[in-house]
Amino acid sequence: MTADIPLQAFSALLHSENIPTVCRALNMYQVAASYTRLSGGNPLEPLAGEVRTVAREVLSRPPVEAGDEIAAGFDHLSALNVLTTLAEPEDAELIDRILQSTTDDQIRAVATLVATRTR
């Protein structure tokens, strides 16, 4: 029961109405995934499906504009970063749309990485 509390807290961040909070959760997942080789596993892995779904939802909307808590397009960068780990072939169309529509070099670079995973 106690082990479920961090996952519940992470899930609450992931499904927040606050976009910067969602970005933090996506970034937390990516950091945890990058430590897999060192720690033997990603403690957030049980929520991988939810993370991928949220990343896809973020990418289905236009990128955020800059605000006090977030840089322009940071939501798309966060979502794409997590998809470098979680993307599946059925994400190819979404990633292609991002590649065709973005004018941001960082977003294009990360989307290109994700595209290699979906093909």
PDB file of N, CA and C in Angstrom:
ATOM      1  N   MET A   1       0.823  -1.198   0.000  1.00  0.00           N
ATOM      2  CA  MET A   1       0.000   0.000   0.000  1.00  0.00           C
ATOM      3  C   MET A   1       0.859   1.251   0.000  1.00  0.00           C
ATOM      4  N   THR A   2       1.865   1.326   0.852  1.00  0.00           N
ATOM      5  CA  THR A   2       2.720   2.500   0.929  1.00  0.00           C
ATOM      6  C   THR A   2       3.473   2.729  -0.375  1.00  0.00           C
ATOM      7  N   ALA A   3       3.846   1.664  -1.078  1.00  0.00           N
ATOM      8  CA  ALA A   3       4.569   1.791  -2.342  1.00  0.00           C
ATOM      9  C   ALA A   3       3.713   2.458  -3.414  1.00  0.00           C
ATOM     10  N   ASP A   4       2.395   2.391  -3.287  1.00  0.00           N
ATOM     11  CA  ASP A   4       1.507   3.005  -4.269  1.00  0.00           C
ATOM     12  C   ASP A   4       1.422   4.521  -4.131  1.00  0.00           C
ATOM     13  N   ILE A   5       1.786   5.064  -2.992  1.00  0.00           N
ATOM     14  CA  ILE A   5       1.641   6.498  -2.744  1.00  0.00           C
ATOM     15  C   ILE A   5       2.475   7.322  -3.714  1.00  0.00           C
ATOM     16  N   PRO A   6       3.757   7.010  -3.962  1.00  0.00           N
ATOM     17  CA  PRO A   6       4.504   7.813  -4.943  1.00  0.00           C
ATOM     18  C   PRO A   6       3.893   7.738  -6.344  1.00  0.00           C
ATOM     19  N   LEU A   7       3.373   6.586  -6.728  1.00  0.00           N
ATOM     20  CA  LEU A   7       2.739   6.464  -8.039  1.00  0.00           C
ATOM     21  C   LEU A   7       1.459   7.285  -8.108  1.00  0.00           C
ATOM     22  N   GLN A   8       0.700   7.308  -7.029  1.00  0.00           N
ATOM     23  CA  GLN A   8      -0.523   8.115  -6.990  1.00  0.00           C
ATOM     24  C   GLN A   8      -0.182   9.600  -7.071  1.00  0.00           C
ATOM     25  N   ALA A   9       0.864  10.003  -6.362  1.00  0.00           N
ATOM     26  CA  ALA A   9       1.281  11.407  -6.390  1.00  0.00           C
ATOM     27  C   ALA A   9       1.766  11.789  -7.788  1.00  0.00           C
ATOM     28  N   PHE A  10       2.562  10.924  -8.406  1.00  0.00           N
ATOM     29  CA  PHE A  10       3.033  11.188  -9.764  1.00  0.00           C
ATOM     30  C   PHE A  10       1.856  11.288 -10.733  1.00  0.00           C
ATOM     31  N   SER A  11       0.905  10.375 -10.613  1.00  0.00           N
ATOM     32  CA  SER A  11      -0.269  10.387 -11.481  1.00  0.00           C
ATOM     33  C   SER A  11      -1.055  11.685 -11.320  1.00  0.00           C
ATOM     34  N   ALA A  12      -1.164  12.184 -10.100  1.00  0.00           N
ATOM     35  CA  ALA A  12      -1.860  13.446  -9.870  1.00  0.00           C
ATOM     36  C   ALA A  12      -1.149  14.593 -10.586  1.00  0.00           C
ATOM     37  N   LEU A  13       0.183  14.610 -10.542  1.00  0.00           N
ATOM     38  CA  LEU A  13       0.943  15.639 -11.267  1.00  0.00           C
ATOM     39  C   LEU A  13       0.719  15.497 -12.774  1.00  0.00           C
ATOM     40  N   LEU A  14       0.777  14.280 -13.253  1.00  0.00           N
ATOM     41  CA  LEU A  14       0.646  14.001 -14.675  1.00  0.00           C
ATOM     42  C   LEU A  14      -0.696  14.453 -15.228  1.00  0.00           C
ATOM     43  N   HIS A  15      -1.739  14.345 -14.424  1.00  0.00           N
ATOM     44  CA  HIS A  15      -3.091  14.689 -14.876  1.00  0.00           C
ATOM     45  C   HIS A  15      -3.560  16.051 -14.376  1.00  0.00           C
ATOM     46  N   SER A  16      -2.628  16.882 -13.957  1.00  0.00           N
ATOM     47  CA  SER A  16      -2.957  18.228 -13.477  1.00  0.00           C
ATOM     48  C   SER A  16      -3.548  19.077 -14.601  1.00  0.00           C
ATOM     49  N   GLU A  17      -4.316  20.059 -14.229  1.00  0.00           N
ATOM     50  CA  GLU A  17      -4.835  21.039 -15.192  1.00  0.00           C
ATOM     51  C   GLU A  17      -3.779  22.099 -15.514  1.00  0.00           C
ATOM     52  N   ASN A  18      -2.714  22.136 -14.725  1.00  0.00           N
ATOM     53  CA  ASN A  18      -1.650  23.118 -14.879  1.00  0.00           C
ATOM     54  C   ASN A  18      -0.577  22.558 -15.812  1.00  0.00           C
ATOM     55  N   ILE A  19      -0.418  23.156 -16.979  1.00  0.00           N
ATOM     56  CA  ILE A  19       0.516  22.641 -17.987  1.00  0.00           C
ATOM     57  C   ILE A  19       1.953  22.564 -17.470  1.00  0.00           C
ATOM     58  N   PRO A  20       2.481  23.571 -16.767  1.00  0.00           N
ATOM     59  CA  PRO A  20       3.841  23.424 -16.242  1.00  0.00           C
ATOM     60  C   PRO A  20       3.986  22.217 -15.302  1.00  0.00           C
ATOM     61  N   THR A  21       2.957  21.903 -14.547  1.00  0.00           N
ATOM     62  CA  THR A  21       2.993  20.740 -13.661  1.00  0.00           C
ATOM     63  C   THR A  21       3.021  19.450 -14.474  1.00  0.00           C
ATOM     64  N   VAL A  22       2.239  19.394 -15.522  1.00  0.00           N
ATOM     65  CA  VAL A  22       2.245  18.218 -16.405  1.00  0.00           C
ATOM     66  C   VAL A  22       3.636  18.059 -17.022  1.00  0.00           C
ATOM     67  N   CYS A  23       4.234  19.160 -17.445  1.00  0.00           N
ATOM     68  CA  CYS A  23       5.590  19.109 -18.017  1.00  0.00           C
ATOM     69  C   CYS A  23       6.589  18.580 -16.999  1.00  0.00           C
ATOM     70  N   ARG A  24       6.463  19.008 -15.758  1.00  0.00           N
ATOM     71  CA  ARG A  24       7.352  18.504 -14.703  1.00  0.00           C
ATOM     72  C   ARG A  24       7.200  16.995 -14.558  1.00  0.00           C
ATOM     73  N   ALA A  25       5.967  16.521 -14.593  1.00  0.00           N
ATOM     74  CA  ALA A  25       5.733  15.079 -14.472  1.00  0.00           C
ATOM     75  C   ALA A  25       6.335  14.326 -15.661  1.00  0.00           C
ATOM     76  N   LEU A  26       6.143  14.834 -16.851  1.00  0.00           N
ATOM     77  CA  LEU A  26       6.732  14.186 -18.022  1.00  0.00           C
ATOM     78  C   LEU A  26       8.246  14.146 -17.906  1.00  0.00           C
ATOM     79  N   ASN A  27       8.822  15.242 -17.463  1.00  0.00           N
ATOM     80  CA  ASN A  27      10.278  15.294 -17.299  1.00  0.00           C
ATOM     81  C   ASN A  27      10.752  14.357 -16.194  1.00  0.00           C
ATOM     82  N   MET A  28       9.965  14.239 -15.119  1.00  0.00           N
ATOM     83  CA  MET A  28      10.312  13.308 -14.039  1.00  0.00           C
ATOM     84  C   MET A  28      10.351  11.882 -14.572  1.00  0.00           C
ATOM     85  N   TYR A  29       9.387  11.540 -15.416  1.00  0.00           N
ATOM     86  CA  TYR A  29       9.362  10.195 -15.977  1.00  0.00           C
ATOM     87  C   TYR A  29      10.614   9.954 -16.824  1.00  0.00           C
ATOM     88  N   GLN A  30      10.960  10.925 -17.639  1.00  0.00           N
ATOM     89  CA  GLN A  30      12.121  10.767 -18.514  1.00  0.00           C
ATOM     90  C   GLN A  30      13.411  10.629 -17.706  1.00  0.00           C
ATOM     91  N   VAL A  31      13.541  11.391 -16.641  1.00  0.00           N
ATOM     92  CA  VAL A  31      14.724  11.276 -15.775  1.00  0.00           C
ATOM     93  C   VAL A  31      14.760   9.887 -15.137  1.00  0.00           C
ATOM     94  N   ALA A  32      13.627   9.439 -14.623  1.00  0.00           N
ATOM     95  CA  ALA A  32      13.576   8.101 -14.007  1.00  0.00           C
ATOM     96  C   ALA A  32      13.922   7.026 -15.038  1.00  0.00           C
ATOM     97  N   ALA A  33      13.452   7.184 -16.257  1.00  0.00           N
ATOM     98  CA  ALA A  33      13.757   6.210 -17.312  1.00  0.00           C
ATOM     99  C   ALA A  33      15.243   6.223 -17.659  1.00  0.00           C
ATOM    100  N   SER A  34      15.867   7.383 -17.610  1.00  0.00           N
ATOM    101  CA  SER A  34      17.289   7.461 -17.964  1.00  0.00           C
ATOM    102  C   SER A  34      18.175   6.817 -16.907  1.00  0.00           C
ATOM    103  N   TYR A  35      17.683   6.687 -15.690  1.00  0.00           N
ATOM    104  CA  TYR A  35      18.451   6.050 -14.624  1.00  0.00           C
ATOM    105  C   TYR A  35      18.284   4.532 -14.599  1.00  0.00           C
ATOM    106  N   THR A  36      17.489   4.001 -15.496  1.00  0.00           N
ATOM    107  CA  THR A  36      17.198   2.567 -15.502  1.00  0.00           C
ATOM    108  C   THR A  36      18.465   1.732 -15.530  1.00  0.00           C
ATOM    109  N   ARG A  37      19.412   2.130 -16.347  1.00  0.00           N
ATOM    110  CA  ARG A  37      20.650   1.344 -16.446  1.00  0.00           C
ATOM    111  C   ARG A  37      21.418   1.331 -15.136  1.00  0.00           C
ATOM    112  N   LEU A  38      21.349   2.413 -14.396  1.00  0.00           N
ATOM    113  CA  LEU A  38      22.092   2.511 -13.142  1.00  0.00           C
ATOM    114  C   LEU A  38      21.366   1.880 -11.964  1.00  0.00           C
ATOM    115  N   SER A  39      20.056   2.000 -11.958  1.00  0.00           N
ATOM    116  CA  SER A  39      19.291   1.573 -10.783  1.00  0.00           C
ATOM    117  C   SER A  39      18.587   0.240 -10.956  1.00  0.00           C
ATOM    118  N   GLY A  40      18.585  -0.287 -12.161  1.00  0.00           N
ATOM    119  CA  GLY A  40      17.933  -1.572 -12.374  1.00  0.00           C
ATOM    120  C   GLY A  40      16.468  -1.473 -12.733  1.00  0.00           C
ATOM    121  N   GLY A  41      15.915  -0.289 -12.821  1.00  0.00           N
ATOM    122  CA  GLY A  41      14.516  -0.164 -13.228  1.00  0.00           C
ATOM    123  C   GLY A  41      13.969   1.221 -13.010  1.00  0.00           C
ATOM    124  N   ASN A  42      12.907   1.522 -13.710  1.00  0.00           N
ATOM    125  CA  ASN A  42      12.229   2.803 -13.598  1.00  0.00           C
ATOM    126  C   ASN A  42      11.068   2.631 -12.616  1.00  0.00           C
ATOM    127  N   PRO A  43      11.107   3.310 -11.477  1.00  0.00           N
ATOM    128  CA  PRO A  43      10.029   3.150 -10.493  1.00  0.00           C
ATOM    129  C   PRO A  43       8.684   3.671 -11.002  1.00  0.00           C
ATOM    130  N   LEU A  44       8.700   4.477 -12.065  1.00  0.00           N
ATOM    131  CA  LEU A  44       7.457   5.013 -12.612  1.00  0.00           C
ATOM    132  C   LEU A  44       6.935   4.183 -13.788  1.00  0.00           C
ATOM    133  N   GLU A  45       7.631   3.123 -14.114  1.00  0.00           N
ATOM    134  CA  GLU A  45       7.268   2.267 -15.253  1.00  0.00           C
ATOM    135  C   GLU A  45       5.817   1.784 -15.227  1.00  0.00           C
ATOM    136  N   PRO A  46       5.233   1.502 -14.066  1.00  0.00           N
ATOM    137  CA  PRO A  46       3.835   1.065 -14.074  1.00  0.00           C
ATOM    138  C   PRO A  46       2.871   2.087 -14.696  1.00  0.00           C
ATOM    139  N   LEU A  47       3.300   3.325 -14.798  1.00  0.00           N
ATOM    140  CA  LEU A  47       2.441   4.371 -15.364  1.00  0.00           C
ATOM    141  C   LEU A  47       2.854   4.759 -16.779  1.00  0.00           C
ATOM    142  N   ALA A  48       3.678   3.957 -17.416  1.00  0.00           N
ATOM    143  CA  ALA A  48       4.176   4.277 -18.761  1.00  0.00           C
ATOM    144  C   ALA A  48       3.042   4.533 -19.755  1.00  0.00           C
ATOM    145  N   GLY A  49       2.004   3.731 -19.710  1.00  0.00           N
ATOM    146  CA  GLY A  49       0.875   3.914 -20.620  1.00  0.00           C
ATOM    147  C   GLY A  49       0.190   5.259 -20.421  1.00  0.00           C
ATOM    148  N   GLU A  50      -0.007   5.631 -19.157  1.00  0.00           N
ATOM    149  CA  GLU A  50      -0.602   6.942 -18.858  1.00  0.00           C
ATOM    150  C   GLU A  50       0.296   8.068 -19.341  1.00  0.00           C
ATOM    151  N   VAL A  51       1.587   7.920 -19.126  1.00  0.00           N
ATOM    152  CA  VAL A  51       2.544   8.953 -19.535  1.00  0.00           C
ATOM    153  C   VAL A  51       2.496   9.129 -21.055  1.00  0.00           C
ATOM    154  N   ARG A  52       2.505   8.032 -21.785  1.00  0.00           N
ATOM    155  CA  ARG A  52       2.455   8.101 -23.241  1.00  0.00           C
ATOM    156  C   ARG A  52       1.156   8.763 -23.704  1.00  0.00           C
ATOM    157  N   THR A  53       0.045   8.414 -23.086  1.00  0.00           N
ATOM    158  CA  THR A  53      -1.242   9.011 -23.442  1.00  0.00           C
ATOM    159  C   THR A  53      -1.234  10.516 -23.210  1.00  0.00           C
ATOM    160  N   VAL A  54      -0.720  10.945 -22.075  1.00  0.00           N
ATOM    161  CA  VAL A  54      -0.664  12.381 -21.775  1.00  0.00           C
ATOM    162  C   VAL A  54       0.267  13.089 -22.763  1.00  0.00           C
ATOM    163  N   ALA A  55       1.405  12.483 -23.073  1.00  0.00           N
ATOM    164  CA  ALA A  55       2.330  13.090 -24.042  1.00  0.00           C
ATOM    165  C   ALA A  55       1.642  13.259 -25.393  1.00  0.00           C
ATOM    166  N   ARG A  56       0.907  12.271 -25.822  1.00  0.00           N
ATOM    167  CA  ARG A  56       0.176  12.361 -27.099  1.00  0.00           C
ATOM    168  C   ARG A  56      -0.887  13.459 -27.039  1.00  0.00           C
ATOM    169  N   GLU A  57      -1.577  13.593 -25.910  1.00  0.00           N
ATOM    170  CA  GLU A  57      -2.587  14.648 -25.754  1.00  0.00           C
ATOM    171  C   GLU A  57      -1.935  16.024 -25.844  1.00  0.00           C
ATOM    172  N   VAL A  58      -0.785  16.188 -25.197  1.00  0.00           N
ATOM    173  CA  VAL A  58      -0.071  17.460 -25.241  1.00  0.00           C
ATOM    174  C   VAL A  58       0.295  17.806 -26.681  1.00  0.00           C
ATOM    175  N   LEU A  59       0.780  16.820 -27.417  1.00  0.00           N
ATOM    176  CA  LEU A  59       1.207  17.059 -28.795  1.00  0.00           C
ATOM    177  C   LEU A  59       0.043  17.264 -29.758  1.00  0.00           C
ATOM    178  N   SER A  60      -1.151  16.894 -29.352  1.00  0.00           N
ATOM    179  CA  SER A  60      -2.316  17.097 -30.214  1.00  0.00           C
ATOM    180  C   SER A  60      -2.823  18.539 -30.163  1.00  0.00           C
ATOM    181  N   ARG A  61      -2.278  19.319 -29.236  1.00  0.00           N
ATOM    182  CA  ARG A  61      -2.656  20.735 -29.115  1.00  0.00           C
ATOM    183  C   ARG A  61      -1.490  21.600 -29.607  1.00  0.00           C
ATOM    184  N   PRO A  62      -1.772  22.847 -29.960  1.00  0.00           N
ATOM    185  CA  PRO A  62      -0.666  23.745 -30.320  1.00  0.00           C
ATOM    186  C   PRO A  62       0.265  23.933 -29.118  1.00  0.00           C
ATOM    187  N   PRO A  63       1.548  24.169 -29.364  1.00  0.00           N
ATOM    188  CA  PRO A  63       2.478  24.384 -28.246  1.00  0.00           C
ATOM    189  C   PRO A  63       2.099  25.640 -27.456  1.00  0.00           C
ATOM    190  N   VAL A  64       2.394  25.591 -26.151  1.00  0.00           N
ATOM    191  CA  VAL A  64       2.077  26.741 -25.299  1.00  0.00           C
ATOM    192  C   VAL A  64       2.955  27.936 -25.666  1.00  0.00           C
ATOM    193  N   GLU A  65       2.417  29.090 -25.397  1.00  0.00           N
ATOM    194  CA  GLU A  65       3.206  30.305 -25.541  1.00  0.00           C
ATOM    195  C   GLU A  65       3.949  30.539 -24.242  1.00  0.00           C
ATOM    196  N   ALA A  66       4.977  31.357 -24.293  1.00  0.00           N
ATOM    197  CA  ALA A  66       5.779  31.637 -23.106  1.00  0.00           C
ATOM    198  C   ALA A  66       4.914  32.295 -22.025  1.00  0.00           C
ATOM    199  N   GLY A  67       5.200  31.932 -20.792  1.00  0.00           N
ATOM    200  CA  GLY A  67       4.521  32.516 -19.645  1.00  0.00           C
ATOM    201  C   GLY A  67       5.496  32.619 -18.494  1.00  0.00           C
ATOM    202  N   ASP A  68       4.997  32.999 -17.327  1.00  0.00           N
ATOM    203  CA  ASP A  68       5.858  33.135 -16.149  1.00  0.00           C
ATOM    204  C   ASP A  68       6.494  31.812 -15.732  1.00  0.00           C
ATOM    205  N   GLU A  69       5.771  30.713 -15.908  1.00  0.00           N
ATOM    206  CA  GLU A  69       6.245  29.406 -15.438  1.00  0.00           C
ATOM    207  C   GLU A  69       6.779  28.499 -16.540  1.00  0.00           C
ATOM    208  N   ILE A  70       6.694  28.940 -17.796  1.00  0.00           N
ATOM    209  CA  ILE A  70       7.002  28.007 -18.880  1.00  0.00           C
ATOM    210  C   ILE A  70       7.507  28.749 -20.115  1.00  0.00           C
ATOM    211  N   ALA A  71       8.474  28.149 -20.780  1.00  0.00           N
ATOM    212  CA  ALA A  71       8.987  28.711 -22.030  1.00  0.00           C
ATOM    213  C   ALA A  71       8.073  28.294 -23.181  1.00  0.00           C
ATOM    214  N   ALA A  72       8.071  29.062 -24.230  1.00  0.00           N
ATOM    215  CA  ALA A  72       7.263  28.738 -25.406  1.00  0.00           C
ATOM    216  C   ALA A  72       7.638  27.347 -25.920  1.00  0.00           C
ATOM    217  N   GLY A  73       6.635  26.527 -26.157  1.00  0.00           N
ATOM    218  CA  GLY A  73       6.844  25.198 -26.711  1.00  0.00           C
ATOM    219  C   GLY A  73       7.378  24.167 -25.739  1.00  0.00           C
ATOM    220  N   PHE A  74       7.563  24.542 -24.469  1.00  0.00           N
ATOM    221  CA  PHE A  74       8.138  23.596 -23.511  1.00  0.00           C
ATOM    222  C   PHE A  74       7.258  22.378 -23.302  1.00  0.00           C
ATOM    223  N   ASP A  75       5.956  22.534 -23.465  1.00  0.00           N
ATOM    224  CA  ASP A  75       5.062  21.378 -23.331  1.00  0.00           C
ATOM    225  C   ASP A  75       5.345  20.352 -24.421  1.00  0.00           C
ATOM    226  N   HIS A  76       5.567  20.825 -25.645  1.00  0.00           N
ATOM    227  CA  HIS A  76       5.883  19.900 -26.735  1.00  0.00           C
ATOM    228  C   HIS A  76       7.252  19.255 -26.526  1.00  0.00           C
ATOM    229  N   LEU A  77       8.219  20.022 -26.047  1.00  0.00           N
ATOM    230  CA  LEU A  77       9.536  19.447 -25.772  1.00  0.00           C
ATOM    231  C   LEU A  77       9.456  18.357 -24.710  1.00  0.00           C
ATOM    232  N   SER A  78       8.717  18.611 -23.645  1.00  0.00           N
ATOM    233  CA  SER A  78       8.567  17.616 -22.582  1.00  0.00           C
ATOM    234  C   SER A  78       7.899  16.353 -23.102  1.00  0.00           C
ATOM    235  N   ALA A  79       6.844  16.526 -23.876  1.00  0.00           N
ATOM    236  CA  ALA A  79       6.122  15.369 -24.419  1.00  0.00           C
ATOM    237  C   ALA A  79       6.999  14.584 -25.393  1.00  0.00           C
ATOM    238  N   LEU A  80       7.714  15.283 -26.244  1.00  0.00           N
ATOM    239  CA  LEU A  80       8.586  14.598 -27.197  1.00  0.00           C
ATOM    240  C   LEU A  80       9.735  13.886 -26.494  1.00  0.00           C
ATOM    241  N   ASN A  81      10.309  14.529 -25.485  1.00  0.00           N
ATOM    242  CA  ASN A  81      11.399  13.890 -24.737  1.00  0.00           C
ATOM    243  C   ASN A  81      10.959  12.559 -24.154  1.00  0.00           C
ATOM    244  N   VAL A  82       9.785  12.518 -23.579  1.00  0.00           N
ATOM    245  CA  VAL A  82       9.318  11.262 -22.979  1.00  0.00           C
ATOM    246  C   VAL A  82       9.014  10.228 -24.066  1.00  0.00           C
ATOM    247  N   LEU A  83       8.608  10.686 -25.233  1.00  0.00           N
ATOM    248  CA  LEU A  83       8.344   9.748 -26.315  1.00  0.00           C
ATOM    249  C   LEU A  83       9.624   9.184 -26.918  1.00  0.00           C
ATOM    250  N   THR A  84      10.770   9.789 -26.635  1.00  0.00           N
ATOM    251  CA  THR A  84      12.023   9.162 -27.083  1.00  0.00           C
ATOM    252  C   THR A  84      12.187   7.803 -26.421  1.00  0.00           C
ATOM    253  N   THR A  85      11.521   7.624 -25.301  1.00  0.00           N
ATOM    254  CA  THR A  85      11.541   6.349 -24.580  1.00  0.00           C
ATOM    255  C   THR A  85      10.294   5.514 -24.860  1.00  0.00           C
ATOM    256  N   LEU A  86       9.145   6.169 -25.005  1.00  0.00           N
ATOM    257  CA  LEU A  86       7.870   5.445 -25.023  1.00  0.00           C
ATOM    258  C   LEU A  86       7.165   5.368 -26.372  1.00  0.00           C
ATOM    259  N   ALA A  87       7.671   6.028 -27.406  1.00  0.00           N
ATOM    260  CA  ALA A  87       6.974   6.052 -28.688  1.00  0.00           C
ATOM    261  C   ALA A  87       6.795   4.655 -29.259  1.00  0.00           C
ATOM    262  N   GLU A  88       5.701   4.502 -29.970  1.00  0.00           N
ATOM    263  CA  GLU A  88       5.387   3.243 -30.642  1.00  0.00           C
ATOM    264  C   GLU A  88       5.076   3.562 -32.109  1.00  0.00           C
ATOM    265  N   PRO A  89       5.089   2.566 -32.980  1.00  0.00           N
ATOM    266  CA  PRO A  89       4.863   2.828 -34.406  1.00  0.00           C
ATOM    267  C   PRO A  89       3.592   3.631 -34.709  1.00  0.00           C
ATOM    268  N   GLU A  90       2.541   3.434 -33.926  1.00  0.00           N
ATOM    269  CA  GLU A  90       1.302   4.171 -34.187  1.00  0.00           C
ATOM    270  C   GLU A  90       1.413   5.663 -33.860  1.00  0.00           C
ATOM    271  N   ASP A  91       2.527   6.098 -33.287  1.00  0.00           N
ATOM    272  CA  ASP A  91       2.748   7.519 -33.011  1.00  0.00           C
ATOM    273  C   ASP A  91       3.356   8.252 -34.214  1.00  0.00           C
ATOM    274  N   ALA A  92       3.722   7.516 -35.256  1.00  0.00           N
ATOM    275  CA  ALA A  92       4.435   8.097 -36.399  1.00  0.00           C
ATOM    276  C   ALA A  92       3.665   9.254 -37.039  1.00  0.00           C
ATOM    277  N   GLU A  93       2.369   9.097 -37.232  1.00  0.00           N
ATOM    278  CA  GLU A  93       1.579  10.153 -37.881  1.00  0.00           C
ATOM    279  C   GLU A  93       1.591  11.436 -37.046  1.00  0.00           C
ATOM    280  N   LEU A  94       1.417  11.309 -35.750  1.00  0.00           N
ATOM    281  CA  LEU A  94       1.443  12.469 -34.864  1.00  0.00           C
ATOM    282  C   LEU A  94       2.804  13.159 -34.926  1.00  0.00           C
ATOM    283  N   ILE A  95       3.869  12.386 -34.888  1.00  0.00           N
ATOM    284  CA  ILE A  95       5.215  12.954 -34.927  1.00  0.00           C
ATOM    285  C   ILE A  95       5.476  13.622 -36.279  1.00  0.00           C
ATOM    286  N   ASP A  96       5.013  13.010 -37.351  1.00  0.00           N
ATOM    287  CA  ASP A  96       5.166  13.631 -38.679  1.00  0.00           C
ATOM    288  C   ASP A  96       4.456  14.973 -38.740  1.00  0.00           C
ATOM    289  N   ARG A  97       3.263  15.064 -38.128  1.00  0.00           N
ATOM    290  CA  ARG A  97       2.537  16.353 -38.098  1.00  0.00           C
ATOM    291  C   ARG A  97       3.350  17.407 -37.355  1.00  0.00           C
ATOM    292  N   ILE A  98       3.962  17.006 -36.239  1.00  0.00           N
ATOM    293  CA  ILE A  98       4.795  17.948 -35.471  1.00  0.00           C
ATOM    294  C   ILE A  98       5.961  18.404 -36.338  1.00  0.00           C
ATOM    295  N   LEU A  99       6.627  17.472 -36.990  1.00  0.00           N
ATOM    296  CA  LEU A  99       7.773  17.812 -37.834  1.00  0.00           C
ATOM    297  C   LEU A  99       7.389  18.764 -38.963  1.00  0.00           C
ATOM    298  N   GLN A 100       6.217  18.587 -39.524  1.00  0.00           N
ATOM    299  CA  GLN A 100       5.775  19.437 -40.629  1.00  0.00           C
ATOM    300  C   GLN A 100       5.323  20.818 -40.168  1.00  0.00           C
ATOM    301  N   SER A 101       4.845  20.914 -38.946  1.00  0.00           N
ATOM    302  CA  SER A 101       4.245  22.182 -38.507  1.00  0.00           C
ATOM    303  C   SER A 101       5.143  23.058 -37.642  1.00  0.00           C
ATOM    304  N   THR A 102       6.160  22.486 -37.014  1.00  0.00           N
ATOM    305  CA  THR A 102       6.947  23.287 -36.078  1.00  0.00           C
ATOM    306  C   THR A 102       7.942  24.193 -36.803  1.00  0.00           C
ATOM    307  N   THR A 103       8.174  25.335 -36.192  1.00  0.00           N
ATOM    308  CA  THR A 103       9.224  26.238 -36.665  1.00  0.00           C
ATOM    309  C   THR A 103      10.344  26.320 -35.632  1.00  0.00           C
ATOM    310  N   ASP A 104      10.203  25.566 -34.545  1.00  0.00           N
ATOM    311  CA  ASP A 104      11.161  25.577 -33.450  1.00  0.00           C
ATOM    312  C   ASP A 104      12.232  24.504 -33.673  1.00  0.00           C
ATOM    313  N   ASP A 105      13.491  24.907 -33.691  1.00  0.00           N
ATOM    314  CA  ASP A 105      14.590  23.977 -33.955  1.00  0.00           C
ATOM    315  C   ASP A 105      14.719  22.890 -32.898  1.00  0.00           C
ATOM    316  N   GLN A 106      14.503  23.234 -31.626  1.00  0.00           N
ATOM    317  CA  GLN A 106      14.597  22.219 -30.563  1.00  0.00           C
ATOM    318  C   GLN A 106      13.503  21.174 -30.706  1.00  0.00           C
ATOM    319  N   ILE A 107      12.297  21.631 -30.954  1.00  0.00           N
ATOM    320  CA  ILE A 107      11.178  20.706 -31.121  1.00  0.00           C
ATOM    321  C   ILE A 107      11.437  19.811 -32.325  1.00  0.00           C
ATOM    322  N   ARG A 108      11.912  20.398 -33.413  1.00  0.00           N
ATOM    323  CA  ARG A 108      12.206  19.602 -34.608  1.00  0.00           C
ATOM    324  C   ARG A 108      13.273  18.544 -34.315  1.00  0.00           C
ATOM    325  N   ALA A 109      14.315  18.917 -33.592  1.00  0.00           N
ATOM    326  CA  ALA A 109      15.405  17.981 -33.290  1.00  0.00           C
ATOM    327  C   ALA A 109      14.906  16.793 -32.464  1.00  0.00           C
ATOM    328  N   VAL A 110      14.122  17.062 -31.431  1.00  0.00           N
ATOM    329  CA  VAL A 110      13.639  15.967 -30.579  1.00  0.00           C
ATOM    330  C   VAL A 110      12.590  15.147 -31.332  1.00  0.00           C
ATOM    331  N   ALA A 111      11.742  15.802 -32.111  1.00  0.00           N
ATOM    332  CA  ALA A 111      10.749  15.063 -32.900  1.00  0.00           C
ATOM    333  C   ALA A 111      11.436  14.141 -33.909  1.00  0.00           C
ATOM    334  N   THR A 112      12.565  14.578 -34.441  1.00  0.00           N
ATOM    335  CA  THR A 112      13.320  13.740 -35.369  1.00  0.00           C
ATOM    336  C   THR A 112      13.826  12.492 -34.662  1.00  0.00           C
ATOM    337  N   LEU A 113      14.298  12.651 -33.415  1.00  0.00           N
ATOM    338  CA  LEU A 113      14.717  11.482 -32.629  1.00  0.00           C
ATOM    339  C   LEU A 113      13.560  10.521 -32.406  1.00  0.00           C
ATOM    340  N   VAL A 114      12.415  11.073 -32.067  1.00  0.00           N
ATOM    341  CA  VAL A 114      11.246  10.232 -31.818  1.00  0.00           C
ATOM    342  C   VAL A 114      10.831   9.516 -33.111  1.00  0.00           C
ATOM    343  N   ALA A 115      10.903  10.226 -34.218  1.00  0.00           N
ATOM    344  CA  ALA A 115      10.498   9.640 -35.507  1.00  0.00           C
ATOM    345  C   ALA A 115      11.325   8.388 -35.814  1.00  0.00           C
ATOM    346  N   THR A 116      12.580   8.381 -35.441  1.00  0.00           N
ATOM    347  CA  THR A 116      13.401   7.194 -35.700  1.00  0.00           C
ATOM    348  C   THR A 116      12.930   5.995 -34.890  1.00  0.00           C
ATOM    349  N   ARG A 117      12.280   6.244 -33.782  1.00  0.00           N
ATOM    350  CA  ARG A 117      11.740   5.174 -32.928  1.00  0.00           C
ATOM    351  C   ARG A 117      10.432   4.608 -33.465  1.00  0.00           C
ATOM    352  N   THR A 118       9.709   5.423 -34.219  1.00  0.00           N
ATOM    353  CA  THR A 118       8.379   5.009 -34.668  1.00  0.00           C
ATOM    354  C   THR A 118       8.409   4.319 -36.030  1.00  0.00           C
ATOM    355  N   ARG A 119       9.558   4.255 -36.643  1.00  0.00           N
ATOM    356  CA  ARG A 119       9.648   3.638 -37.980  1.00  0.00           C
ATOM    357  C   ARG A 119      10.256   2.285 -37.904  1.00  0.00           C
TER     358      ARG A 119
END
